[in-house]
Amino acid sequence: MDEATSINARNNAKKLIYRTVVFCSMTSMLLGYDVGIMAGALPNMKDDLSLNTAQVETIAGSLNIVAGLCAILAGQTADRLGRRKALGVACCVFAVGAGVMTGAPEFWTLFVGRIITGIGVGFGLVIAPLYLSEVVPPEQRGFLVCMFDVILNVGILEGYVVGYLVQVSVPNPGARWRIMIGVAIIPPVAILLGLNFLEESPRWLYSIGRDNEAKRILSIMIPDKDQCDEQEQEIKDVIEAETSNNYKDVVCPQTLALKRALHISLGLSIAQQITGSEAVIYYTPEIMKNAGIKDPAKQLLWALPVGAAKLMGEVISVPLLDHQGRRPMLLIGGSMQCVSLILLATSFVKGWGFATTITFVCMFMFFFEVAAPISWLVPSEVYSTGKRGKAQSISVTVNRIVSGSIALSFLSISQALTIPGTFYLFAILAFIITIWYALVVVETKGLTLEEITSILQQGKESGRYDAVHSNQGDAKGVIDVGVPESEIGDDMTLNVGKSSGDAKDDESLRLDSQ
């Protein structure tokens, strides 16, 4: 093709990919806004509907529990209907749930609406990262897939802002929380409209035998014919190598590679939520109250810098994922969460004042987000196409159940251990997960999904080898795949081909003895 046609094709590819990123990432705004707005809505719900502590905890935590349980269905739905249609189902369900909650006259109707909303959130959290991981180029996958988590934090900050504005401008508590919840109907409607401008995942289309349609879409995303043909063959080779694609293969893996993938994906899902970040967001007014801020409007006002710090941590970390890698960001985020939580707990014990306490809450949220997006990214990278939807749904199930359990019990735990005691407990857990990050999590930076699958399939019973992207001799990444030390020589290399996103860089596996 001539130069003008080539430029036009590349521009069309970028537009399609960026449209997909925008509308898929907006799905996370559904959860983000819900998490942020509940900080303002819960106290007003409690006053308007005369809710007790157990009912408040149930409303706060039930969405995540339901989202986690329904995530299993989301993976099956995505594999059956396709990624795009399944995303539309998620948006419809969420909008219905938000509508039921907005009109709820008492606790049980509110609870039903919360359950419906949780189903929509669970579907969205599985399908959007899955969809994104299958359509974005490998050299930008870390940044573009994690835009999902960036928009989640935009949604949290949006929830804080809307909550504060409604709190100070609407005098009636019943009207306040209904307005706050009602705004949540807008994003899913916008996403439903945007889905008309997206294409289906070509990897999913290949997996169900719709090769012609898949090739048409893949050729739009990868205009270069040779690269497109190479990528098509890689996808087909991986699909043909799969003998079975059911939940048993994911939950009860028979190979070392699948065992490692399960360990990593479930571990990251637990580690992201075990330090209590979402509970801190849900109960920010309660934490501010304990820090000495008694006025509800001021409690929500001081929540704004917490949301801003959370978003800032993500904005800084996400662009670094494709340059510095996944592991360094996990280690920095985990270790500094531990430090932040110790300082936060100590500020309550020593009575350092609300300004210091808020500073440490912001510090904790900032470093939480340095590591958090990787828990969405890596589970979508380490499985092959046929298992990816099911594996992602299991990861989200575990992630949401852990988050919901902590939100359900945070007030009770803080009453039993006190607020500082609870944060010291979270600090211990942050220390433990940082050690786990260092020992277990592998580097996936810059590899295509098929290359990652191929590398993990090389694993044997013990040992390790390093996946290195060579560019004039500079090592860029490390992946543990399990080659026995006895089989490792000084100069052994295993070529895995060129990255589809960067034909200039040689990609090889360097086998290093321990």
Protein backbone atom coordinates (compact mmCIF):
# COMPACT_ATOMS: atom_id res chain seq x y z
CA MET A 1 0.00 0.00 0.00
CA ASP A 2 1.16 3.58 -0.61
CA GLU A 3 2.28 5.90 2.19
CA ALA A 4 -1.00 7.82 2.42
CA THR A 5 -3.05 4.62 2.64
CA SER A 6 -0.67 3.21 5.25
CA ILE A 7 -0.95 6.32 7.42
CA ASN A 8 -4.73 6.26 7.15
CA ALA A 9 -4.82 2.56 8.13
CA ARG A 10 -2.64 3.19 11.18
CA ASN A 11 -4.85 6.10 12.23
CA ASN A 12 -7.97 3.94 11.91
CA ALA A 13 -6.32 1.27 14.06
CA LYS A 14 -5.49 3.80 16.76
CA LYS A 15 -9.00 5.24 16.72
CA LEU A 16 -10.60 1.82 17.11
CA ILE A 17 -8.28 0.80 19.93
CA TYR A 18 -8.71 4.11 21.78
CA ARG A 19 -12.51 3.97 21.42
CA THR A 20 -12.42 0.49 22.92
CA VAL A 21 -10.22 1.68 25.78
CA VAL A 22 -12.49 4.66 26.54
CA PHE A 23 -15.80 2.81 26.66
CA CYS A 24 -14.45 -0.31 28.37
CA SER A 25 -12.70 1.82 30.97
CA MET A 26 -15.91 3.74 31.62
CA THR A 27 -17.34 0.45 32.92
CA SER A 28 -15.06 0.75 35.94
CA MET A 29 -16.60 4.15 36.63
CA LEU A 30 -19.75 2.28 37.66
CA LEU A 31 -17.93 0.72 40.61
CA GLY A 32 -15.78 3.78 41.26
CA TYR A 33 -18.71 6.16 41.50
CA ASP A 34 -20.59 3.69 43.72
CA VAL A 35 -17.64 3.37 46.11
CA GLY A 36 -17.14 7.13 46.29
CA ILE A 37 -20.78 8.14 46.53
CA MET A 38 -21.57 5.66 49.30
CA ALA A 39 -19.32 7.66 51.63
CA GLY A 40 -21.89 10.46 51.37
CA ALA A 41 -25.00 8.37 50.81
CA LEU A 42 -24.66 5.91 53.72
CA PRO A 43 -25.03 8.48 56.56
CA ASN A 44 -28.09 9.98 54.82
CA MET A 45 -29.58 6.53 54.19
CA LYS A 46 -29.06 5.72 57.86
CA ASP A 47 -30.92 8.87 58.96
CA ASP A 48 -33.71 8.65 56.36
CA LEU A 49 -34.47 4.92 56.63
CA SER A 50 -33.45 4.48 60.30
CA LEU A 51 -30.85 1.82 59.47
CA ASN A 52 -28.85 0.10 62.22
CA THR A 53 -25.10 -0.65 62.09
CA ALA A 54 -25.59 -4.14 60.64
CA GLN A 55 -27.83 -2.80 57.87
CA VAL A 56 -25.33 -0.05 57.02
CA GLU A 57 -22.54 -2.64 56.79
CA THR A 58 -24.79 -4.87 54.65
CA ILE A 59 -25.52 -2.09 52.16
CA ALA A 60 -21.83 -1.14 52.01
CA GLY A 61 -20.44 -4.65 51.60
CA SER A 62 -23.17 -6.59 49.82
CA LEU A 63 -22.44 -5.11 46.39
CA ASN A 64 -18.92 -6.51 46.38
CA ILE A 65 -19.99 -9.92 47.66
CA VAL A 66 -22.66 -10.17 44.95
CA ALA A 67 -20.25 -8.83 42.33
CA GLY A 68 -17.76 -11.50 43.29
CA LEU A 69 -20.26 -14.36 43.18
CA CYS A 70 -21.71 -13.22 39.84
CA ALA A 71 -18.30 -12.77 38.27
CA ILE A 72 -18.28 -16.53 37.59
CA LEU A 73 -21.35 -16.07 35.39
CA ALA A 74 -19.68 -13.12 33.71
CA GLY A 75 -16.84 -15.25 32.38
CA GLN A 76 -19.27 -17.76 30.91
CA THR A 77 -21.39 -14.95 29.45
CA ALA A 78 -18.34 -13.34 27.84
CA ASP A 79 -17.29 -16.66 26.32
CA ARG A 80 -20.80 -17.36 25.01
CA LEU A 81 -22.02 -13.94 23.83
CA GLY A 82 -18.70 -12.30 23.12
CA ARG A 83 -16.95 -9.50 24.96
CA ARG A 84 -18.92 -6.59 23.49
CA LYS A 85 -22.44 -7.98 24.00
CA ALA A 86 -21.59 -9.17 27.51
CA LEU A 87 -20.44 -5.66 28.38
CA GLY A 88 -23.80 -4.35 27.21
CA VAL A 89 -25.57 -6.82 29.51
CA ALA A 90 -23.50 -5.55 32.44
CA CYS A 91 -24.49 -1.94 31.77
CA CYS A 92 -28.21 -2.77 31.49
CA VAL A 93 -28.22 -4.68 34.77
CA PHE A 94 -26.33 -1.93 36.61
CA ALA A 95 -28.72 0.77 35.39
CA VAL A 96 -31.74 -1.25 36.56
CA GLY A 97 -30.16 -1.78 39.98
CA ALA A 98 -29.36 1.90 40.42
CA GLY A 99 -32.96 2.75 39.49
CA VAL A 100 -34.37 0.34 42.10
CA MET A 101 -32.08 1.75 44.79
CA THR A 102 -33.04 5.33 43.95
CA GLY A 103 -36.74 4.62 44.50
CA ALA A 104 -36.33 2.32 47.54
CA PRO A 105 -38.75 3.21 50.38
CA GLU A 106 -37.15 0.89 52.97
CA PHE A 107 -34.16 -1.35 53.67
CA TRP A 108 -35.22 -4.52 51.84
CA THR A 109 -35.99 -2.78 48.54
CA LEU A 110 -32.70 -0.94 48.88
CA PHE A 111 -30.97 -4.27 49.47
CA VAL A 112 -32.56 -5.83 46.36
CA GLY A 113 -31.41 -2.87 44.27
CA ARG A 114 -27.94 -3.27 45.74
CA ILE A 115 -27.86 -6.93 44.71
CA ILE A 116 -28.90 -6.10 41.12
CA THR A 117 -26.28 -3.36 40.98
CA GLY A 118 -23.68 -5.81 42.26
CA ILE A 119 -24.46 -8.22 39.41
CA GLY A 120 -23.80 -5.44 36.90
CA VAL A 121 -20.55 -4.46 38.64
CA GLY A 122 -19.36 -8.09 38.74
CA PHE A 123 -19.96 -8.51 35.02
CA GLY A 124 -18.20 -5.25 34.18
CA LEU A 125 -15.13 -5.97 36.30
CA VAL A 126 -14.57 -9.28 34.50
CA ILE A 127 -15.43 -8.36 30.95
CA ALA A 128 -13.81 -4.93 30.51
CA PRO A 129 -10.19 -5.90 31.44
CA LEU A 130 -10.62 -9.13 29.48
CA TYR A 131 -11.85 -7.26 26.40
CA LEU A 132 -9.06 -4.68 26.66
CA SER A 133 -6.26 -7.23 27.12
CA GLU A 134 -7.32 -8.95 23.89
CA VAL A 135 -7.39 -5.89 21.63
CA VAL A 136 -4.57 -3.54 22.72
CA PRO A 137 -1.00 -3.84 21.36
CA PRO A 138 1.47 -5.61 23.71
CA GLU A 139 3.86 -2.66 24.06
CA GLN A 140 0.97 -0.52 25.38
CA ARG A 141 -1.04 -3.21 27.14
CA GLY A 142 0.02 -2.25 30.67
CA PHE A 143 -0.97 1.39 30.19
CA LEU A 144 -4.14 0.89 28.17
CA VAL A 145 -5.60 -2.02 30.17
CA CYS A 146 -4.91 -0.16 33.41
CA MET A 147 -6.83 2.84 32.15
CA PHE A 148 -9.71 0.70 33.43
CA ASP A 149 -8.43 1.23 36.97
CA VAL A 150 -7.62 4.90 36.36
CA ILE A 151 -11.22 5.58 35.38
CA LEU A 152 -12.36 3.63 38.44
CA ASN A 153 -10.52 6.19 40.55
CA VAL A 154 -11.96 9.04 38.51
CA GLY A 155 -15.34 7.57 39.42
CA ILE A 156 -14.42 7.49 43.13
CA LEU A 157 -13.36 11.14 43.05
CA GLU A 158 -16.51 11.99 41.09
CA GLY A 159 -18.54 10.26 43.81
CA TYR A 160 -16.82 12.30 46.52
CA VAL A 161 -17.44 15.55 44.63
CA VAL A 162 -21.11 14.80 43.89
CA GLY A 163 -21.62 13.65 47.47
CA TYR A 164 -20.22 16.88 48.89
CA LEU A 165 -22.15 19.13 46.50
CA VAL A 166 -25.44 17.37 47.19
CA GLN A 167 -24.76 17.34 50.94
CA VAL A 168 -24.35 21.13 51.11
CA SER A 169 -27.10 22.04 48.64
CA VAL A 170 -29.99 19.65 49.44
CA PRO A 171 -31.48 19.99 52.95
CA ASN A 172 -33.51 16.76 53.07
CA PRO A 173 -31.52 13.54 53.87
CA GLY A 174 -33.95 11.38 51.86
CA ALA A 175 -33.59 13.52 48.76
CA ARG A 176 -29.81 13.72 49.21
CA TRP A 177 -29.00 10.03 48.96
CA ARG A 178 -31.56 9.42 46.18
CA ILE A 179 -29.95 12.12 44.03
CA MET A 180 -26.49 10.73 44.78
CA ILE A 181 -27.51 7.20 43.72
CA GLY A 182 -29.64 8.35 40.77
CA VAL A 183 -26.67 9.98 39.04
CA ALA A 184 -25.17 6.47 38.70
CA ILE A 185 -27.67 5.66 35.93
CA ILE A 186 -25.92 8.03 33.49
CA PRO A 187 -22.58 6.18 32.83
CA PRO A 188 -24.08 2.78 31.80
CA VAL A 189 -26.41 4.50 29.34
CA ALA A 190 -23.44 6.31 27.79
CA ILE A 191 -21.49 3.05 27.53
CA LEU A 192 -24.41 1.28 25.83
CA LEU A 193 -24.46 3.98 23.17
CA GLY A 194 -20.69 3.77 22.73
CA LEU A 195 -20.66 0.00 22.19
CA ASN A 196 -22.15 0.57 18.74
CA PHE A 197 -18.80 2.05 17.68
CA LEU A 198 -16.65 -0.87 18.87
CA GLU A 199 -15.61 -4.18 17.28
CA GLU A 200 -15.66 -7.63 18.86
CA SER A 201 -12.43 -9.18 20.19
CA PRO A 202 -10.76 -11.00 17.25
CA ARG A 203 -9.26 -13.54 19.67
CA TRP A 204 -12.74 -14.52 20.85
CA LEU A 205 -13.98 -14.73 17.24
CA TYR A 206 -11.10 -17.06 16.32
CA SER A 207 -11.89 -19.21 19.36
CA ILE A 208 -15.46 -19.88 18.12
CA GLY A 209 -14.49 -20.40 14.47
CA ARG A 210 -15.56 -17.05 12.97
CA ASP A 211 -12.20 -16.65 11.27
CA ASN A 212 -13.23 -14.33 8.41
CA GLU A 213 -14.78 -11.77 10.74
CA ALA A 214 -11.85 -12.11 13.12
CA LYS A 215 -9.32 -11.53 10.32
CA ARG A 216 -11.23 -8.42 9.15
CA ILE A 217 -11.07 -6.87 12.62
CA LEU A 218 -7.48 -7.97 13.24
CA SER A 219 -6.41 -6.39 9.94
CA ILE A 220 -7.92 -3.09 11.13
CA MET A 221 -6.06 -3.28 14.44
CA ILE A 222 -2.78 -4.39 12.81
CA PRO A 223 -2.59 -2.72 9.36
CA ASP A 224 0.77 -4.29 8.44
CA LYS A 225 -0.13 -7.50 6.56
CA ASP A 226 2.93 -9.51 7.64
CA GLN A 227 2.47 -8.61 11.32
CA CYS A 228 -1.26 -9.32 11.06
CA ASP A 229 -0.64 -12.76 9.53
CA GLU A 230 1.97 -13.55 12.19
CA GLN A 231 -0.39 -12.52 15.00
CA GLU A 232 -3.23 -14.54 13.45
CA GLN A 233 -1.07 -17.66 13.34
CA GLU A 234 0.05 -17.18 16.97
CA ILE A 235 -3.58 -16.88 18.10
CA LYS A 236 -4.62 -19.99 16.16
CA ASP A 237 -1.66 -22.00 17.45
CA VAL A 238 -2.55 -21.22 21.07
CA ILE A 239 -6.25 -22.01 20.51
CA GLU A 240 -5.44 -25.31 18.78
CA ALA A 241 -3.10 -26.30 21.62
CA GLU A 242 -5.94 -26.09 24.14
CA THR A 243 -7.55 -29.45 24.81
CA SER A 244 -10.13 -28.30 27.36
CA ASN A 245 -11.58 -24.98 28.49
CA ASN A 246 -13.72 -25.45 31.58
CA TYR A 247 -13.59 -24.10 35.11
CA LYS A 248 -12.06 -27.31 36.42
CA ASP A 249 -8.97 -26.69 34.25
CA VAL A 250 -8.53 -23.29 35.89
CA VAL A 251 -9.42 -24.15 39.50
CA CYS A 252 -7.74 -27.58 39.52
CA PRO A 253 -4.80 -27.08 37.14
CA GLN A 254 -2.86 -30.13 36.02
CA THR A 255 0.27 -28.43 34.67
CA LEU A 256 2.90 -26.38 36.45
CA ALA A 257 2.23 -23.42 34.14
CA LEU A 258 -1.49 -23.33 35.01
CA LYS A 259 -0.73 -23.82 38.69
CA ARG A 260 1.58 -20.83 38.58
CA ALA A 261 -0.99 -18.74 36.70
CA LEU A 262 -3.67 -19.61 39.30
CA HIS A 263 -1.34 -18.80 42.19
CA ILE A 264 -0.43 -15.43 40.72
CA SER A 265 -3.93 -14.37 39.68
CA LEU A 266 -5.65 -15.36 42.94
CA GLY A 267 -2.81 -14.00 45.06
CA LEU A 268 -2.94 -10.61 43.34
CA SER A 269 -6.73 -10.50 43.70
CA ILE A 270 -6.50 -11.07 47.46
CA ALA A 271 -3.48 -8.84 47.98
CA GLN A 272 -5.14 -5.84 46.32
CA GLN A 273 -8.01 -5.73 48.81
CA ILE A 274 -6.62 -7.28 51.99
CA THR A 275 -5.19 -3.97 53.24
CA GLY A 276 -8.69 -2.47 53.50
CA SER A 277 -8.56 0.32 50.92
CA GLU A 278 -12.22 0.20 49.86
CA ALA A 279 -13.38 -0.01 53.47
CA VAL A 280 -11.41 3.18 54.13
CA ILE A 281 -13.25 4.85 51.24
CA TYR A 282 -16.71 3.63 52.26
CA TYR A 283 -16.17 4.77 55.84
CA THR A 284 -14.12 7.90 55.24
CA PRO A 285 -16.70 10.04 57.13
CA GLU A 286 -16.46 7.65 60.10
CA ILE A 287 -12.66 7.83 60.03
CA MET A 288 -12.80 11.62 59.78
CA LYS A 289 -15.23 11.67 62.72
CA ASN A 290 -12.74 9.69 64.81
CA ALA A 291 -10.01 12.12 63.73
CA GLY A 292 -12.02 15.02 65.18
CA ILE A 293 -14.17 16.31 62.28
CA LYS A 294 -17.79 16.24 63.44
CA ASP A 295 -19.67 18.14 60.70
CA PRO A 296 -20.92 15.72 57.94
CA ALA A 297 -20.32 18.25 55.15
CA LYS A 298 -16.74 18.84 56.32
CA GLN A 299 -16.19 15.09 56.55
CA LEU A 300 -17.08 14.79 52.86
CA LEU A 301 -15.02 17.88 52.01
CA TRP A 302 -11.94 16.34 53.60
CA ALA A 303 -12.63 13.15 51.67
CA LEU A 304 -11.85 15.00 48.42
CA PRO A 305 -8.04 15.05 48.92
CA VAL A 306 -8.23 11.32 49.73
CA GLY A 307 -9.87 10.67 46.35
CA ALA A 308 -7.42 13.00 44.61
CA ALA A 309 -4.41 11.22 46.17
CA LYS A 310 -5.82 7.86 45.09
CA LEU A 311 -6.21 9.06 41.50
CA MET A 312 -2.77 10.69 41.49
CA GLY A 313 -1.08 7.45 42.54
CA GLU A 314 -2.70 5.69 39.61
CA VAL A 315 -1.90 8.44 37.09
CA ILE A 316 1.76 8.26 38.07
CA SER A 317 2.08 4.47 38.21
CA VAL A 318 0.15 3.34 35.14
CA PRO A 319 2.42 4.98 32.50
CA LEU A 320 5.40 3.33 34.20
CA LEU A 321 4.06 -0.22 33.88
CA ASP A 322 5.24 -0.63 30.28
CA HIS A 323 8.62 1.00 31.04
CA GLN A 324 9.60 -0.16 34.53
CA GLY A 325 7.56 -3.36 34.57
CA ARG A 326 4.91 -4.83 36.86
CA ARG A 327 7.08 -6.16 39.69
CA PRO A 328 8.83 -2.90 40.68
CA MET A 329 5.50 -1.10 41.03
CA LEU A 330 4.10 -3.92 43.17
CA LEU A 331 7.10 -3.86 45.50
CA ILE A 332 7.05 -0.09 45.90
CA GLY A 333 3.28 0.04 46.39
CA GLY A 334 3.17 -2.85 48.89
CA SER A 335 6.06 -1.71 51.07
CA MET A 336 4.89 1.91 51.22
CA GLN A 337 1.34 0.83 52.09
CA CYS A 338 2.82 -0.88 55.13
CA VAL A 339 4.68 2.28 56.15
CA SER A 340 1.61 4.49 55.54
CA LEU A 341 -0.69 2.27 57.61
CA ILE A 342 1.75 2.23 60.53
CA LEU A 343 1.92 6.03 60.46
CA LEU A 344 -1.88 6.30 60.13
CA ALA A 345 -2.49 4.02 63.11
CA THR A 346 0.12 5.86 65.17
CA SER A 347 -1.49 9.23 64.38
CA PHE A 348 -4.67 8.03 66.12
CA VAL A 349 -2.74 6.62 69.10
CA LYS A 350 -0.63 9.77 69.59
CA GLY A 351 -3.44 12.21 68.77
CA TRP A 352 -1.48 14.06 66.10
CA GLY A 353 -4.59 15.85 64.83
CA PHE A 354 -6.94 15.48 61.88
CA ALA A 355 -4.65 17.20 59.35
CA THR A 356 -1.87 14.67 60.02
CA THR A 357 -4.35 11.79 59.97
CA ILE A 358 -5.76 12.88 56.61
CA THR A 359 -2.22 13.20 55.24
CA PHE A 360 -1.47 9.60 56.14
CA VAL A 361 -4.82 8.40 54.72
CA CYS A 362 -3.87 10.15 51.46
CA MET A 363 -0.39 8.62 51.58
CA PHE A 364 -1.89 5.14 52.02
CA MET A 365 -4.31 5.64 49.13
CA PHE A 366 -1.54 6.98 46.88
CA PHE A 367 0.72 3.96 47.36
CA PHE A 368 -2.21 1.54 47.22
CA GLU A 369 -2.82 2.76 43.68
CA VAL A 370 0.83 2.36 42.72
CA ALA A 371 0.29 -1.40 42.98
CA ALA A 372 -3.49 -1.81 42.54
CA PRO A 373 -3.84 -1.73 38.71
CA ILE A 374 -1.52 -4.72 38.32
CA SER A 375 -4.09 -6.91 40.06
CA TRP A 376 -6.44 -6.26 37.12
CA LEU A 377 -3.73 -6.48 34.46
CA VAL A 378 -1.66 -9.59 35.18
CA PRO A 379 -4.55 -12.09 35.64
CA SER A 380 -5.73 -11.12 32.15
CA GLU A 381 -2.23 -11.78 30.77
CA VAL A 382 -1.20 -15.16 32.15
CA TYR A 383 -3.96 -17.34 30.65
CA SER A 384 -4.60 -18.38 27.05
CA THR A 385 -7.68 -17.23 25.11
CA GLY A 386 -9.97 -20.15 25.94
CA LYS A 387 -9.30 -19.97 29.67
CA ARG A 388 -8.88 -16.20 30.02
CA GLY A 389 -12.56 -15.36 30.53
CA LYS A 390 -13.06 -18.03 33.17
CA ALA A 391 -9.79 -17.22 34.94
CA GLN A 392 -10.58 -13.50 34.97
CA SER A 393 -14.01 -14.19 36.45
CA ILE A 394 -12.48 -16.30 39.24
CA SER A 395 -9.97 -13.54 40.01
CA VAL A 396 -12.70 -10.93 40.21
CA THR A 397 -14.82 -13.25 42.37
CA VAL A 398 -12.03 -13.56 44.92
CA ASN A 399 -11.19 -9.84 44.72
CA ARG A 400 -14.75 -8.68 45.31
CA ILE A 401 -15.48 -11.21 48.08
CA VAL A 402 -12.37 -10.11 49.98
CA SER A 403 -13.30 -6.44 49.51
CA GLY A 404 -16.93 -7.03 50.48
CA SER A 405 -15.98 -9.07 53.54
CA ILE A 406 -13.74 -6.29 54.83
CA ALA A 407 -16.40 -3.65 54.13
CA LEU A 408 -19.03 -5.80 55.86
CA SER A 409 -16.89 -6.18 58.97
CA PHE A 410 -14.87 -2.94 59.13
CA LEU A 411 -17.08 -1.17 61.68
CA SER A 412 -17.29 -4.29 63.84
CA ILE A 413 -13.54 -4.92 63.64
CA SER A 414 -12.75 -1.29 64.45
CA GLN A 415 -15.06 -1.47 67.46
CA ALA A 416 -13.29 -4.62 68.66
CA LEU A 417 -9.69 -3.58 67.88
CA THR A 418 -10.19 0.23 67.82
CA ILE A 419 -9.45 2.26 64.69
CA PRO A 420 -5.64 2.31 65.22
CA GLY A 421 -5.61 -1.41 66.03
CA THR A 422 -7.41 -2.13 62.76
CA PHE A 423 -4.85 -0.13 60.77
CA TYR A 424 -1.95 -1.87 62.51
CA LEU A 425 -3.54 -5.17 61.41
CA PHE A 426 -3.75 -3.91 57.82
CA ALA A 427 -0.07 -2.85 58.05
CA ILE A 428 0.96 -6.41 58.99
CA LEU A 429 -1.00 -7.75 56.02
CA ALA A 430 0.65 -5.18 53.71
CA PHE A 431 4.07 -6.41 54.87
CA ILE A 432 3.12 -10.03 54.15
CA ILE A 433 1.84 -9.34 50.65
CA THR A 434 4.99 -7.37 49.78
CA ILE A 435 7.08 -10.44 50.60
CA TRP A 436 4.73 -12.51 48.46
CA TYR A 437 5.08 -10.06 45.54
CA ALA A 438 8.87 -10.43 45.71
CA LEU A 439 8.83 -14.22 45.83
CA VAL A 440 6.02 -15.15 43.44
CA VAL A 441 4.90 -12.54 40.89
CA VAL A 442 6.51 -12.75 37.44
CA GLU A 443 7.24 -10.01 34.92
CA THR A 444 5.05 -9.89 31.80
CA LYS A 445 6.08 -6.53 30.39
CA GLY A 446 6.18 -6.22 26.60
CA LEU A 447 5.20 -9.80 25.69
CA THR A 448 2.21 -10.68 23.54
CA LEU A 449 -0.45 -12.79 25.24
CA GLU A 450 0.53 -15.76 23.06
CA GLU A 451 4.21 -15.36 24.02
CA ILE A 452 3.30 -15.32 27.71
CA THR A 453 1.26 -18.48 27.24
CA SER A 454 4.09 -20.10 25.31
CA ILE A 455 6.63 -19.18 27.97
CA LEU A 456 4.52 -20.53 30.82
CA GLN A 457 3.94 -23.76 28.89
CA GLN A 458 7.71 -24.34 28.85
CA GLY A 459 7.71 -24.78 32.65
CA LYS A 460 8.94 -27.97 34.27
CA GLU A 461 9.16 -29.05 37.88
CA SER A 462 11.66 -26.63 39.38
CA GLY A 463 14.03 -23.77 38.69
CA ARG A 464 13.57 -20.65 36.62
CA TYR A 465 14.61 -18.76 33.53
CA ASP A 466 14.48 -15.12 32.64
CA ALA A 467 12.55 -13.59 29.78
CA VAL A 468 14.67 -10.78 28.48
CA HIS A 469 13.89 -8.26 25.81
CA SER A 470 17.22 -7.56 24.25
CA ASN A 471 17.89 -4.17 22.75
CA GLN A 472 21.62 -3.80 22.35
CA GLY A 473 22.10 -6.10 25.27
CA ASP A 474 19.81 -4.39 27.80
CA ALA A 475 17.58 -6.69 29.85
CA LYS A 476 14.05 -5.45 30.27
CA GLY A 477 11.98 -8.12 32.04
CA VAL A 478 12.00 -11.34 33.99
CA ILE A 479 9.58 -14.25 33.92
CA ASP A 480 9.77 -17.32 36.12
CA VAL A 481 8.67 -20.37 34.18
CA GLY A 482 10.34 -23.30 35.85
CA VAL A 483 13.33 -24.74 33.99
CA PRO A 484 15.40 -27.08 36.19
CA GLU A 485 18.76 -25.75 37.23
CA SER A 486 20.42 -28.93 35.97
CA GLU A 487 19.33 -28.08 32.42
CA ILE A 488 20.63 -24.53 32.46
CA GLY A 489 23.87 -23.74 30.69
CA ASP A 490 25.90 -20.57 30.65
CA ASP A 491 24.83 -19.45 27.19
CA MET A 492 21.44 -21.10 26.65
CA THR A 493 18.85 -18.97 24.86
CA LEU A 494 15.38 -19.68 23.56
CA ASN A 495 14.02 -17.37 20.89
CA VAL A 496 10.31 -16.62 21.02
CA GLY A 497 10.06 -14.32 18.03
CA LYS A 498 9.56 -10.63 17.63
CA SER A 499 7.00 -8.59 19.44
CA SER A 500 4.14 -7.63 17.17
CA GLY A 501 4.32 -4.14 18.57
CA ASP A 502 8.05 -3.55 18.04
CA ALA A 503 9.78 -5.30 15.18
CA LYS A 504 13.07 -3.64 16.03
CA ASP A 505 13.50 -5.33 19.40
CA ASP A 506 14.63 -8.96 19.59
CA GLU A 507 12.77 -10.93 22.23
CA SER A 508 14.53 -13.88 23.76
CA LEU A 509 14.54 -16.00 26.84
CA ARG A 510 17.86 -15.93 28.63
CA LEU A 511 18.42 -18.93 30.87
CA ASP A 512 20.35 -17.90 33.97
CA SER A 513 21.53 -20.33 36.58
CA GLN A 514 20.63 -19.58 40.15
